[in-house]
N, C-alpha and C. Protein backbone atom coordinates (compact mmCIF):
# COMPACT_ATOMS: atom_id res chain seq x y z
N MET A 1 61.98 53.81 101.98
CA MET A 1 61.35 52.34 102.02
C MET A 1 59.71 52.61 101.59
N THR A 2 59.42 51.87 100.78
CA THR A 2 57.79 51.89 100.38
C THR A 2 56.98 51.13 101.34
N LEU A 3 55.91 51.27 101.16
CA LEU A 3 54.92 50.60 102.13
C LEU A 3 55.01 49.03 101.80
N HIS A 4 55.11 48.80 100.45
CA HIS A 4 55.18 47.47 100.07
C HIS A 4 56.29 46.76 100.70
N SER A 5 57.47 47.33 100.52
CA SER A 5 58.73 46.80 100.88
C SER A 5 58.71 46.45 102.48
N LEU A 6 58.03 47.49 103.16
CA LEU A 6 58.03 47.38 104.55
C LEU A 6 57.10 46.22 105.07
N HIS A 7 56.12 45.97 104.35
CA HIS A 7 55.32 44.73 104.58
C HIS A 7 55.87 43.46 104.22
N SER A 8 56.47 43.53 103.10
CA SER A 8 57.00 42.38 102.52
C SER A 8 58.44 41.97 103.07
N ALA A 9 58.90 42.82 103.88
CA ALA A 9 60.23 42.60 104.42
C ALA A 9 60.37 41.19 105.33
N THR A 10 61.14 40.24 105.06
CA THR A 10 61.30 39.05 105.65
C THR A 10 62.40 39.07 106.66
N HIS A 11 63.20 39.87 106.78
CA HIS A 11 64.56 39.76 107.60
C HIS A 11 64.19 40.43 108.98
N VAL A 12 63.21 41.00 109.36
CA VAL A 12 62.86 41.57 110.58
C VAL A 12 62.86 40.61 111.61
N ASP A 13 63.74 40.90 112.53
CA ASP A 13 63.81 39.99 113.80
C ASP A 13 62.35 39.98 114.67
N PRO A 14 61.69 38.78 114.78
CA PRO A 14 60.46 38.83 115.62
C PRO A 14 60.54 39.48 116.95
N ALA A 15 61.64 39.41 117.54
CA ALA A 15 61.65 40.23 118.82
C ALA A 15 61.82 41.63 118.74
N THR A 16 62.46 42.19 117.56
CA THR A 16 62.49 43.45 117.42
C THR A 16 61.12 43.95 116.82
N GLN A 17 60.52 43.28 115.96
CA GLN A 17 59.18 43.63 115.50
C GLN A 17 58.23 43.59 116.62
N ALA A 18 58.28 42.75 117.70
CA ALA A 18 57.15 42.74 118.71
C ALA A 18 57.53 44.17 119.61
N ARG A 19 58.79 44.50 119.65
CA ARG A 19 59.05 45.64 120.46
C ARG A 19 58.49 47.01 119.71
N VAL A 20 58.70 47.03 118.38
CA VAL A 20 58.20 48.21 117.58
C VAL A 20 56.80 48.28 117.62
N HIS A 21 56.16 47.21 117.39
CA HIS A 21 54.61 47.11 117.29
C HIS A 21 54.10 47.41 118.83
N LEU A 22 54.44 46.96 119.77
CA LEU A 22 54.07 47.49 121.04
C LEU A 22 54.37 48.76 121.47
N ALA A 23 55.41 49.39 121.01
CA ALA A 23 55.70 51.02 121.29
C ALA A 23 54.62 51.67 120.54
N ALA A 24 54.43 51.19 119.16
CA ALA A 24 53.59 51.97 118.50
C ALA A 24 52.12 52.00 118.95
N ALA A 25 51.72 50.66 119.48
CA ALA A 25 50.30 50.61 120.07
C ALA A 25 50.24 51.46 121.21
N LEU A 26 51.26 51.72 122.14
CA LEU A 26 51.12 52.46 123.37
C LEU A 26 50.88 53.92 122.77
N ARG A 27 51.78 54.32 121.91
CA ARG A 27 51.58 55.88 121.41
C ARG A 27 50.42 56.03 120.67
N MET A 28 49.80 55.13 119.78
CA MET A 28 48.59 55.32 119.38
C MET A 28 47.42 55.35 120.34
N ALA A 29 47.52 54.59 121.45
CA ALA A 29 46.46 54.67 122.60
C ALA A 29 46.48 56.09 123.09
N VAL A 30 47.43 56.94 123.03
CA VAL A 30 47.47 58.13 123.68
C VAL A 30 46.92 59.17 122.57
N LEU A 31 47.19 58.92 121.15
CA LEU A 31 46.45 59.58 120.22
C LEU A 31 45.05 59.45 120.16
N HIS A 32 44.58 58.21 120.43
CA HIS A 32 43.05 57.91 120.37
C HIS A 32 42.45 58.07 121.69
N GLU A 33 43.17 58.69 122.78
CA GLU A 33 42.74 58.95 124.15
C GLU A 33 42.03 57.65 124.91
N LEU A 34 42.92 56.62 124.70
CA LEU A 34 42.64 55.34 125.54
C LEU A 34 43.57 55.25 126.70
N ASP A 35 44.49 55.98 126.87
CA ASP A 35 45.30 55.95 128.03
C ASP A 35 44.83 56.52 129.11
N GLU A 36 45.58 56.31 130.48
CA GLU A 36 45.34 57.04 131.67
C GLU A 36 46.57 57.23 132.26
N GLY A 37 47.39 58.30 131.76
CA GLY A 37 48.87 58.80 132.21
C GLY A 37 49.71 57.56 132.16
N ILE A 38 50.26 57.20 133.18
CA ILE A 38 51.29 56.08 133.27
C ILE A 38 50.61 54.79 133.70
N ASP A 39 49.39 54.71 133.86
CA ASP A 39 48.69 53.57 134.28
C ASP A 39 48.10 52.72 133.15
N ASN A 40 47.75 51.48 133.50
CA ASN A 40 47.27 50.58 132.52
C ASN A 40 48.41 49.83 131.80
N HIS A 41 48.26 48.66 131.17
CA HIS A 41 49.26 48.09 130.61
C HIS A 41 48.87 47.43 129.32
N PHE A 42 50.00 47.19 128.44
CA PHE A 42 50.05 46.49 127.20
C PHE A 42 51.04 45.53 127.30
N THR A 43 50.81 44.34 127.13
CA THR A 43 51.99 43.34 127.00
C THR A 43 51.87 42.34 125.87
N VAL A 44 53.02 41.89 125.45
CA VAL A 44 53.10 40.98 124.41
C VAL A 44 54.14 39.90 124.83
N GLU A 45 53.67 38.60 124.49
CA GLU A 45 54.59 37.50 124.86
C GLU A 45 55.93 37.59 124.16
N ALA A 46 57.11 37.39 124.72
CA ALA A 46 58.24 37.56 124.07
C ALA A 46 58.35 36.56 122.99
N PRO A 47 58.62 36.68 121.75
CA PRO A 47 58.75 35.71 120.85
C PRO A 47 59.87 34.69 120.99
N GLY A 48 59.33 33.47 121.19
CA GLY A 48 60.28 32.37 121.43
C GLY A 48 60.61 32.04 122.79
N HIS A 49 59.94 32.76 123.54
CA HIS A 49 60.21 32.63 125.03
C HIS A 49 58.80 32.79 125.77
N PRO A 50 58.04 31.57 125.91
CA PRO A 50 56.76 31.43 126.51
C PRO A 50 57.11 31.85 128.06
N GLY A 51 56.07 32.45 128.52
CA GLY A 51 56.24 32.79 130.17
C GLY A 51 56.77 33.95 130.35
N GLN A 52 57.41 34.71 129.20
CA GLN A 52 57.99 36.08 129.31
C GLN A 52 57.30 36.93 128.44
N TYR A 53 57.35 38.21 128.95
CA TYR A 53 56.35 39.32 128.43
C TYR A 53 56.98 40.66 128.23
N LEU A 54 56.84 41.27 127.22
CA LEU A 54 57.26 42.62 127.23
C LEU A 54 56.28 43.71 127.61
N VAL A 55 56.72 44.79 128.24
CA VAL A 55 55.87 45.56 128.85
C VAL A 55 56.76 46.85 128.87
N LEU A 56 56.01 48.27 129.00
CA LEU A 56 56.61 49.40 129.07
C LEU A 56 56.95 49.56 130.82
N PRO A 57 58.03 49.98 131.20
CA PRO A 57 58.31 49.90 132.65
C PRO A 57 57.52 50.99 133.26
N PHE A 58 56.88 50.79 134.49
CA PHE A 58 56.01 51.66 135.11
C PHE A 58 56.70 52.93 135.41
N GLY A 59 56.02 54.10 134.97
CA GLY A 59 56.49 55.44 135.35
C GLY A 59 56.67 56.20 134.12
N LEU A 60 56.84 55.37 132.96
CA LEU A 60 57.03 56.09 131.72
C LEU A 60 55.51 56.46 130.85
N HIS A 61 55.37 57.70 130.52
CA HIS A 61 54.09 57.99 129.83
C HIS A 61 54.14 57.29 128.59
N TRP A 62 53.01 56.69 128.23
CA TRP A 62 52.70 56.00 126.99
C TRP A 62 53.31 56.95 125.77
N SER A 63 53.03 58.16 125.76
CA SER A 63 53.57 59.02 124.70
C SER A 63 55.12 58.90 124.47
N GLU A 64 55.87 58.55 125.41
CA GLU A 64 57.31 58.38 125.41
C GLU A 64 57.83 57.13 124.79
N ALA A 65 56.87 56.08 124.96
CA ALA A 65 57.30 54.67 124.60
C ALA A 65 58.21 54.49 123.38
N ARG A 66 59.32 53.92 123.40
CA ARG A 66 60.09 53.51 122.45
C ARG A 66 60.43 51.95 122.51
N ALA A 67 60.72 51.24 121.35
CA ALA A 67 61.27 50.03 121.26
C ALA A 67 62.28 49.60 122.27
N SER A 68 63.01 50.50 122.42
CA SER A 68 64.22 50.20 123.31
C SER A 68 63.86 50.33 124.89
N ASP A 69 62.82 51.05 125.13
CA ASP A 69 62.40 51.17 126.41
C ASP A 69 61.83 49.90 126.98
N LEU A 70 61.22 49.08 126.29
CA LEU A 70 60.44 48.04 126.78
C LEU A 70 61.35 46.95 127.48
N MET A 71 60.76 46.43 128.56
CA MET A 71 61.43 45.56 129.48
C MET A 71 60.76 44.13 129.32
N VAL A 72 61.49 43.11 129.65
CA VAL A 72 60.73 41.67 129.75
C VAL A 72 60.80 41.20 131.13
N PHE A 73 59.63 40.70 131.58
CA PHE A 73 59.44 40.07 132.86
C PHE A 73 58.78 38.70 132.75
N ASP A 74 58.87 37.83 133.72
CA ASP A 74 58.31 36.55 133.72
C ASP A 74 57.16 36.63 134.74
N GLU A 75 56.53 35.41 134.92
CA GLU A 75 55.14 35.39 135.81
C GLU A 75 55.54 35.83 137.26
N THR A 76 56.78 35.54 137.65
CA THR A 76 57.01 35.86 139.03
C THR A 76 57.49 37.37 139.29
N GLY A 77 57.40 38.11 138.16
CA GLY A 77 57.60 39.44 138.38
C GLY A 77 59.20 39.67 138.12
N ARG A 78 59.85 38.82 137.81
CA ARG A 78 61.32 38.96 137.69
C ARG A 78 61.63 39.71 136.38
N THR A 79 62.70 40.70 136.30
CA THR A 79 63.02 41.17 135.18
C THR A 79 63.97 40.44 134.40
N VAL A 80 63.78 40.05 133.23
CA VAL A 80 64.53 39.21 132.52
C VAL A 80 65.51 39.80 131.43
N GLU A 81 64.91 41.00 131.07
CA GLU A 81 65.59 41.98 130.09
C GLU A 81 65.39 43.32 130.32
N GLY A 82 66.18 44.19 130.26
CA GLY A 82 65.83 45.74 130.35
C GLY A 82 65.97 46.33 131.86
N HIS A 83 65.52 47.39 131.90
CA HIS A 83 65.55 48.08 133.21
C HIS A 83 64.18 48.68 133.46
N GLY A 84 63.89 48.82 134.84
CA GLY A 84 62.63 49.41 135.28
C GLY A 84 61.90 48.57 136.17
N VAL A 85 60.71 49.15 136.44
CA VAL A 85 59.75 48.52 137.37
C VAL A 85 58.66 47.99 136.79
N VAL A 86 58.18 46.76 136.93
CA VAL A 86 56.82 46.14 136.51
C VAL A 86 55.64 46.32 137.50
N GLU A 87 54.82 47.12 137.35
CA GLU A 87 53.77 47.53 138.21
C GLU A 87 53.17 45.96 138.64
N LEU A 88 52.78 45.84 139.85
CA LEU A 88 52.23 44.48 140.45
C LEU A 88 51.05 44.19 139.69
N SER A 89 50.06 45.05 139.41
CA SER A 89 48.86 44.72 138.63
C SER A 89 49.21 44.15 137.29
N ALA A 90 50.19 44.78 136.62
CA ALA A 90 50.60 44.14 135.32
C ALA A 90 50.85 42.89 135.33
N GLN A 91 51.87 42.44 136.30
CA GLN A 91 52.18 41.09 136.62
C GLN A 91 50.84 40.26 136.95
N CYS A 92 50.13 40.67 137.84
CA CYS A 92 48.89 39.70 138.32
C CYS A 92 47.71 39.65 137.41
N ILE A 93 47.62 40.79 136.53
CA ILE A 93 46.43 40.45 135.61
C ILE A 93 46.98 39.96 134.33
N HIS A 94 48.01 40.24 133.73
CA HIS A 94 48.57 39.88 132.47
C HIS A 94 49.15 38.46 132.47
N ALA A 95 50.10 38.19 133.42
CA ALA A 95 50.74 36.87 133.04
C ALA A 95 49.75 35.70 133.24
N PRO A 96 48.72 35.68 134.03
CA PRO A 96 47.83 34.55 134.10
C PRO A 96 46.94 34.54 132.73
N LEU A 97 46.47 35.93 132.31
CA LEU A 97 45.80 36.04 131.17
C LEU A 97 46.60 35.22 129.89
N HIS A 98 47.93 35.59 129.89
CA HIS A 98 48.63 35.13 128.61
C HIS A 98 48.68 33.48 128.84
N ARG A 99 49.06 33.19 130.11
CA ARG A 99 49.18 31.65 130.33
C ARG A 99 48.04 30.76 130.03
N ILE A 100 46.82 31.38 130.54
CA ILE A 100 45.40 30.46 130.68
C ILE A 100 44.84 30.63 129.29
N THR A 101 44.65 31.91 128.78
CA THR A 101 44.02 31.95 127.46
C THR A 101 44.82 31.54 126.34
N GLY A 102 46.09 31.69 126.32
CA GLY A 102 46.97 31.59 125.33
C GLY A 102 46.93 32.65 124.34
N ALA A 103 46.64 33.74 124.84
CA ALA A 103 46.71 35.01 124.14
C ALA A 103 48.04 35.61 123.94
N ARG A 104 48.47 35.98 122.77
CA ARG A 104 49.93 36.36 122.66
C ARG A 104 49.99 37.87 122.92
N VAL A 105 48.91 38.61 122.97
CA VAL A 105 48.99 40.13 123.03
C VAL A 105 47.80 40.52 124.13
N VAL A 106 47.90 41.05 125.24
CA VAL A 106 47.00 41.38 126.24
C VAL A 106 46.99 43.09 126.42
N LEU A 107 45.92 43.54 126.23
CA LEU A 107 45.96 45.18 126.27
C LEU A 107 44.70 45.41 127.31
N HIS A 108 45.27 46.07 128.47
CA HIS A 108 44.18 46.66 129.29
C HIS A 108 44.41 48.03 129.61
N THR A 109 43.13 48.59 129.53
CA THR A 109 42.91 50.06 129.62
C THR A 109 41.70 50.37 130.61
N HIS A 110 41.57 51.75 131.08
CA HIS A 110 40.45 52.30 131.60
C HIS A 110 39.92 53.29 130.64
N GLN A 111 39.83 53.10 129.24
CA GLN A 111 39.49 54.00 128.23
C GLN A 111 38.11 54.40 128.71
N PRO A 112 37.92 55.85 128.57
CA PRO A 112 36.48 56.55 129.06
C PRO A 112 35.25 56.06 128.62
N TRP A 113 34.97 55.73 127.39
CA TRP A 113 33.57 55.40 127.05
C TRP A 113 33.47 53.85 127.43
N ALA A 114 34.36 53.11 127.26
CA ALA A 114 34.11 51.70 127.77
C ALA A 114 33.93 51.55 129.11
N LEU A 115 34.75 52.39 129.98
CA LEU A 115 34.53 52.42 131.33
C LEU A 115 33.21 53.11 131.67
N ALA A 116 32.79 54.03 131.01
CA ALA A 116 31.41 54.70 131.38
C ALA A 116 30.33 53.60 131.23
N LEU A 117 30.57 52.72 130.30
CA LEU A 117 29.30 51.81 130.07
C LEU A 117 29.63 50.67 131.11
N ASN A 118 30.88 50.39 131.67
CA ASN A 118 31.04 49.50 132.80
C ASN A 118 30.73 50.06 134.10
N MET A 119 30.41 51.43 134.26
CA MET A 119 29.89 51.90 135.50
C MET A 119 28.45 51.65 135.57
N LEU A 120 27.70 51.27 134.58
CA LEU A 120 26.27 51.00 134.71
C LEU A 120 25.89 49.68 135.31
N LYS A 121 24.97 49.69 135.83
CA LYS A 121 24.32 48.33 136.35
C LYS A 121 24.18 47.29 135.40
N ASP A 122 23.60 47.73 134.32
CA ASP A 122 23.69 46.97 132.98
C ASP A 122 24.53 47.46 131.91
N ASN A 123 25.86 46.98 131.95
CA ASN A 123 26.85 47.12 131.19
C ASN A 123 26.97 46.43 129.82
N ARG A 124 26.04 45.80 129.48
CA ARG A 124 26.25 44.95 128.24
C ARG A 124 26.31 45.88 126.90
N LEU A 125 27.13 45.46 126.10
CA LEU A 125 27.36 46.24 124.82
C LEU A 125 26.32 45.46 123.80
N LEU A 126 25.34 46.28 123.42
CA LEU A 126 24.28 45.79 122.64
C LEU A 126 24.47 46.01 121.07
N PRO A 127 24.02 45.06 120.24
CA PRO A 127 24.37 45.09 118.80
C PRO A 127 23.26 46.02 118.11
N ALA A 128 23.47 47.42 118.38
CA ALA A 128 22.66 48.38 117.77
C ALA A 128 23.45 49.16 116.71
N THR A 129 24.78 48.84 116.51
CA THR A 129 25.43 49.19 115.36
C THR A 129 26.10 48.19 114.71
N GLN A 130 26.64 48.38 113.40
CA GLN A 130 27.53 47.53 112.91
C GLN A 130 28.89 47.22 113.59
N THR A 131 29.48 48.21 114.15
CA THR A 131 30.66 48.09 114.94
C THR A 131 30.37 47.32 116.12
N ALA A 132 29.29 47.58 116.92
CA ALA A 132 28.97 46.67 118.03
C ALA A 132 28.65 45.33 117.81
N ALA A 133 28.05 45.17 116.75
CA ALA A 133 27.69 43.70 116.18
C ALA A 133 29.04 42.90 116.01
N PHE A 134 29.89 43.48 115.70
CA PHE A 134 31.41 42.81 115.60
C PHE A 134 31.84 42.07 116.80
N PHE A 135 31.31 42.74 117.88
CA PHE A 135 31.71 42.15 119.20
C PHE A 135 30.72 41.22 119.79
N HIS A 136 29.56 40.85 119.14
CA HIS A 136 28.54 39.96 119.70
C HIS A 136 28.89 38.71 120.00
N GLY A 137 28.89 38.18 121.08
CA GLY A 137 29.14 36.82 121.63
C GLY A 137 30.61 36.67 121.72
N ARG A 138 31.32 37.86 121.73
CA ARG A 138 32.83 37.83 121.90
C ARG A 138 33.39 38.55 123.17
N ILE A 139 32.41 38.93 123.89
CA ILE A 139 32.79 39.70 125.21
C ILE A 139 32.44 38.76 126.51
N ALA A 140 33.40 38.74 127.34
CA ALA A 140 33.19 38.12 128.65
C ALA A 140 32.92 39.22 129.52
N TYR A 141 32.22 38.88 130.69
CA TYR A 141 31.73 40.05 131.64
C TYR A 141 32.21 39.78 133.17
N ASP A 142 33.05 40.56 133.76
CA ASP A 142 33.42 40.48 135.20
C ASP A 142 32.43 41.44 135.99
N ASP A 143 31.46 40.92 136.48
CA ASP A 143 30.49 41.73 137.20
C ASP A 143 30.95 42.00 138.73
N THR A 144 32.10 41.65 139.09
CA THR A 144 32.45 41.51 140.56
C THR A 144 33.78 42.42 140.53
N TYR A 145 33.85 43.77 140.96
CA TYR A 145 35.11 44.30 140.90
C TYR A 145 35.63 44.13 142.45
N THR A 146 36.77 43.56 142.78
CA THR A 146 37.33 43.01 143.74
C THR A 146 38.51 44.23 144.43
N GLY A 147 38.75 45.19 143.83
CA GLY A 147 39.77 46.19 144.08
C GLY A 147 40.96 46.07 143.25
N LEU A 148 42.04 46.36 143.78
CA LEU A 148 43.33 46.55 142.98
C LEU A 148 43.69 44.96 142.78
N ALA A 149 44.30 44.80 141.59
CA ALA A 149 44.64 43.30 141.32
C ALA A 149 46.08 43.19 141.76
N ALA A 150 46.13 42.61 143.03
CA ALA A 150 47.45 42.33 143.59
C ALA A 150 47.92 41.01 143.84
N THR A 151 47.05 40.09 143.31
CA THR A 151 47.58 38.62 143.67
C THR A 151 47.44 37.85 142.07
N MET A 152 48.18 36.86 142.05
CA MET A 152 47.99 35.99 140.85
C MET A 152 46.60 35.29 140.77
N GLN A 153 45.92 35.12 141.98
CA GLN A 153 44.60 34.54 142.00
C GLN A 153 43.64 35.21 141.23
N GLU A 154 43.84 36.61 141.31
CA GLU A 154 42.96 37.57 140.69
C GLU A 154 42.97 37.52 139.18
N GLY A 155 44.13 37.43 138.71
CA GLY A 155 44.33 37.19 137.23
C GLY A 155 43.82 35.92 136.67
N GLU A 156 44.05 34.83 137.52
CA GLU A 156 43.49 33.73 137.07
C GLU A 156 42.02 33.66 137.14
N ARG A 157 41.51 34.30 138.14
CA ARG A 157 39.95 34.27 138.15
C ARG A 157 39.44 35.11 136.96
N LEU A 158 40.25 36.19 136.61
CA LEU A 158 39.68 37.02 135.34
C LEU A 158 39.93 36.03 133.84
N ALA A 159 41.10 35.26 133.96
CA ALA A 159 41.24 34.35 132.74
C ALA A 159 40.23 33.32 132.67
N ALA A 160 40.03 32.85 133.94
CA ALA A 160 38.76 31.81 133.83
C ALA A 160 37.62 32.34 133.37
N LEU A 161 37.15 33.66 133.84
CA LEU A 161 36.05 34.39 133.32
C LEU A 161 35.93 34.53 131.64
N MET A 162 37.12 34.99 131.20
CA MET A 162 37.41 35.23 129.80
C MET A 162 37.28 34.05 128.80
N GLY A 163 37.75 32.86 129.33
CA GLY A 163 37.54 31.76 128.60
C GLY A 163 38.12 31.94 127.06
N ASP A 164 37.38 31.82 126.06
CA ASP A 164 37.77 31.58 124.57
C ASP A 164 37.37 33.11 123.97
N LYS A 165 36.74 34.15 124.88
CA LYS A 165 36.62 35.22 124.34
C LYS A 165 37.64 36.28 124.03
N THR A 166 37.47 37.21 123.48
CA THR A 166 38.62 38.09 123.10
C THR A 166 38.61 39.48 123.73
N ILE A 167 37.46 39.83 124.40
CA ILE A 167 37.30 41.10 125.09
C ILE A 167 36.64 40.64 126.41
N LEU A 168 37.27 41.45 127.54
CA LEU A 168 36.80 41.30 128.95
C LEU A 168 36.29 42.61 129.28
N PHE A 169 34.83 42.81 129.67
CA PHE A 169 34.41 43.86 130.38
C PHE A 169 34.60 43.66 131.93
N MET A 170 35.24 44.64 132.53
CA MET A 170 35.57 44.81 134.12
C MET A 170 34.74 45.77 134.61
N LYS A 171 33.56 45.41 135.32
CA LYS A 171 32.67 46.42 135.77
C LYS A 171 33.32 47.35 136.81
N ASN A 172 33.25 48.57 136.87
CA ASN A 172 33.64 49.45 137.61
C ASN A 172 35.27 49.57 137.44
N HIS A 173 35.76 49.20 136.40
CA HIS A 173 37.46 49.04 136.23
C HIS A 173 37.86 49.42 134.83
N GLY A 174 37.52 48.62 133.84
CA GLY A 174 37.92 48.78 132.61
C GLY A 174 37.60 47.73 131.74
N VAL A 175 38.54 47.55 130.44
CA VAL A 175 38.43 46.46 129.66
C VAL A 175 39.94 45.70 129.29
N VAL A 176 39.62 44.49 128.76
CA VAL A 176 40.88 43.90 128.28
C VAL A 176 40.58 43.51 126.94
N SER A 177 41.60 43.63 125.96
CA SER A 177 41.40 43.17 124.50
C SER A 177 42.59 42.31 124.30
N THR A 178 42.53 41.22 123.89
CA THR A 178 43.32 40.05 123.50
C THR A 178 43.62 39.91 122.17
N GLY A 179 44.62 39.27 121.54
CA GLY A 179 44.84 38.86 120.22
C GLY A 179 45.93 38.06 119.71
N ARG A 180 46.16 37.69 118.60
CA ARG A 180 47.40 36.86 118.05
C ARG A 180 48.55 37.87 117.79
N THR A 181 48.16 39.16 117.50
CA THR A 181 49.14 40.16 117.04
C THR A 181 48.62 41.48 117.82
N VAL A 182 49.57 42.41 117.89
CA VAL A 182 49.41 43.67 118.45
C VAL A 182 48.41 44.47 117.45
N ALA A 183 48.37 44.10 116.28
CA ALA A 183 47.51 45.04 115.44
C ALA A 183 46.16 44.31 115.54
N GLU A 184 45.78 42.99 115.83
CA GLU A 184 44.54 42.52 115.80
C GLU A 184 43.91 42.98 117.25
N ALA A 185 44.82 42.80 118.46
CA ALA A 185 44.24 43.33 119.68
C ALA A 185 43.97 44.95 119.75
N TYR A 186 44.78 45.50 119.17
CA TYR A 186 44.48 47.02 119.04
C TYR A 186 43.35 47.46 118.14
N ARG A 187 43.13 46.71 117.20
CA ARG A 187 42.14 47.00 116.37
C ARG A 187 40.58 46.77 117.24
N ARG A 188 40.72 45.61 118.01
CA ARG A 188 39.56 45.43 118.74
C ARG A 188 39.44 46.41 119.84
N LEU A 189 40.42 46.95 120.43
CA LEU A 189 40.41 47.75 121.44
C LEU A 189 39.66 49.15 120.89
N TYR A 190 40.47 49.44 119.78
CA TYR A 190 39.94 50.83 119.25
C TYR A 190 38.32 50.84 118.61
N LYS A 191 37.93 49.65 118.23
CA LYS A 191 36.54 49.38 117.59
C LYS A 191 35.71 49.33 118.86
N LEU A 192 36.17 48.84 119.88
CA LEU A 192 35.34 48.73 121.10
C LEU A 192 34.89 50.10 121.62
N GLU A 193 35.92 50.85 121.68
CA GLU A 193 35.86 52.26 122.34
C GLU A 193 34.73 52.86 121.39
N ARG A 194 34.87 52.89 120.37
CA ARG A 194 33.89 53.52 119.29
C ARG A 194 32.41 53.06 119.66
N ALA A 195 32.32 51.62 119.75
CA ALA A 195 31.16 51.02 119.84
C ALA A 195 30.45 51.50 121.13
N CYS A 196 31.45 51.57 122.25
CA CYS A 196 30.73 51.98 123.53
C CYS A 196 30.40 53.47 123.51
N ARG A 197 31.06 54.21 122.77
CA ARG A 197 30.82 55.66 122.89
C ARG A 197 29.57 55.98 122.14
N THR A 198 29.24 55.34 121.02
CA THR A 198 27.84 55.49 120.43
C THR A 198 26.67 54.82 121.17
N GLN A 199 27.14 53.97 122.00
CA GLN A 199 25.73 53.38 122.86
C GLN A 199 25.70 54.24 124.00
N VAL A 200 26.60 54.85 124.64
CA VAL A 200 26.44 55.82 125.70
C VAL A 200 25.84 57.03 125.25
N LEU A 201 26.32 57.56 124.20
CA LEU A 201 25.60 58.79 123.50
C LEU A 201 24.17 58.49 123.05
N ALA A 202 23.89 57.49 122.48
CA ALA A 202 22.43 57.17 121.92
C ALA A 202 21.60 57.01 123.25
N MET A 203 22.06 56.24 124.38
CA MET A 203 21.35 56.17 125.56
C MET A 203 20.99 57.51 126.23
N SER A 204 21.89 58.26 126.04
CA SER A 204 21.76 59.73 126.76
C SER A 204 20.47 60.66 126.25
N THR A 205 20.03 59.99 124.98
CA THR A 205 18.77 60.73 124.42
C THR A 205 17.61 60.22 125.21
N GLY A 206 17.62 58.99 125.82
CA GLY A 206 16.48 58.67 126.57
C GLY A 206 15.58 57.72 125.64
N GLN A 207 15.88 57.91 124.56
CA GLN A 207 14.99 56.99 123.54
C GLN A 207 15.59 55.54 123.38
N PRO A 208 14.59 54.63 123.11
CA PRO A 208 14.99 53.07 123.11
C PRO A 208 15.99 53.00 121.89
N LEU A 209 16.89 51.93 122.03
CA LEU A 209 17.76 51.51 121.08
C LEU A 209 17.31 50.82 120.17
N ASN A 210 17.69 50.81 118.78
CA ASN A 210 17.11 49.84 117.81
C ASN A 210 18.11 48.76 117.56
N ILE A 211 17.70 47.66 118.20
CA ILE A 211 18.64 46.64 118.25
C ILE A 211 18.64 45.76 117.03
N LEU A 212 19.81 45.38 116.49
CA LEU A 212 19.84 44.59 115.04
C LEU A 212 19.29 43.35 115.30
N SER A 213 18.73 42.61 114.46
CA SER A 213 18.20 41.23 114.64
C SER A 213 19.39 40.30 114.57
N GLU A 214 19.14 39.06 115.20
CA GLU A 214 20.20 38.08 115.07
C GLU A 214 20.69 37.72 113.75
N GLU A 215 19.77 37.84 112.71
CA GLU A 215 20.06 37.36 111.41
C GLU A 215 21.18 38.44 110.78
N ILE A 216 20.80 39.73 111.12
CA ILE A 216 21.76 40.77 110.58
C ILE A 216 23.17 40.67 111.43
N VAL A 217 22.99 40.47 112.62
CA VAL A 217 24.19 40.18 113.40
C VAL A 217 25.05 39.27 112.96
N GLU A 218 24.54 37.96 112.41
CA GLU A 218 25.27 36.94 112.02
C GLU A 218 25.92 37.30 110.75
N ARG A 219 25.29 38.13 109.81
CA ARG A 219 25.81 38.62 108.77
C ARG A 219 26.95 39.37 108.83
N VAL A 220 27.08 40.13 109.96
CA VAL A 220 28.04 41.06 110.27
C VAL A 220 29.40 40.16 110.51
N LEU A 221 28.94 39.20 111.55
CA LEU A 221 30.06 38.36 112.06
C LEU A 221 30.76 37.33 110.98
N THR A 222 29.96 37.22 109.93
CA THR A 222 30.62 36.14 109.01
C THR A 222 31.05 37.04 107.73
């Protein structure tokens, strides 16, 4: 099959496509060193089934992810399709984020460079590079770490903070990237890690950062 025919195919079942894309994103996260073993979560709203979400069962390493491994759960944590365990924090963080923000895809990681920035008192991502400027005005910040997310109220709190933003910085914890598609959300997650890495590396020199002007940032955003 050629690349053109792959992208132009119209017979692919949306549910199958969602599974394939989510499994691919999980494996890519390992390749790009965004994963943390069997922890963290990527979820996709099951096509045609609002309130139901695809997720990798807890215990499988992301490098093992296959489309057929993914299970479907609802907001109560009940397994709708497949087998395995849904980690409590996956239910408590992701279900409210999907429901309240309307995001089709929610990706949550503890990726190292973004987390390094979120360990700082001032964890703001600064528009000092073209890549960082891409996120200007699109990041929500949670400056209050409350411990492990074990209640739906915690997910609702995070969703309220996120509002209409596509990225959530969680101080002392990690990040969330959302999108309409797996590709869109993953691209944001990958670019975010690159932007955080360059900022942390530049800050390590002890020299002041050269922040882009608002005019230049607006050009990048448009």
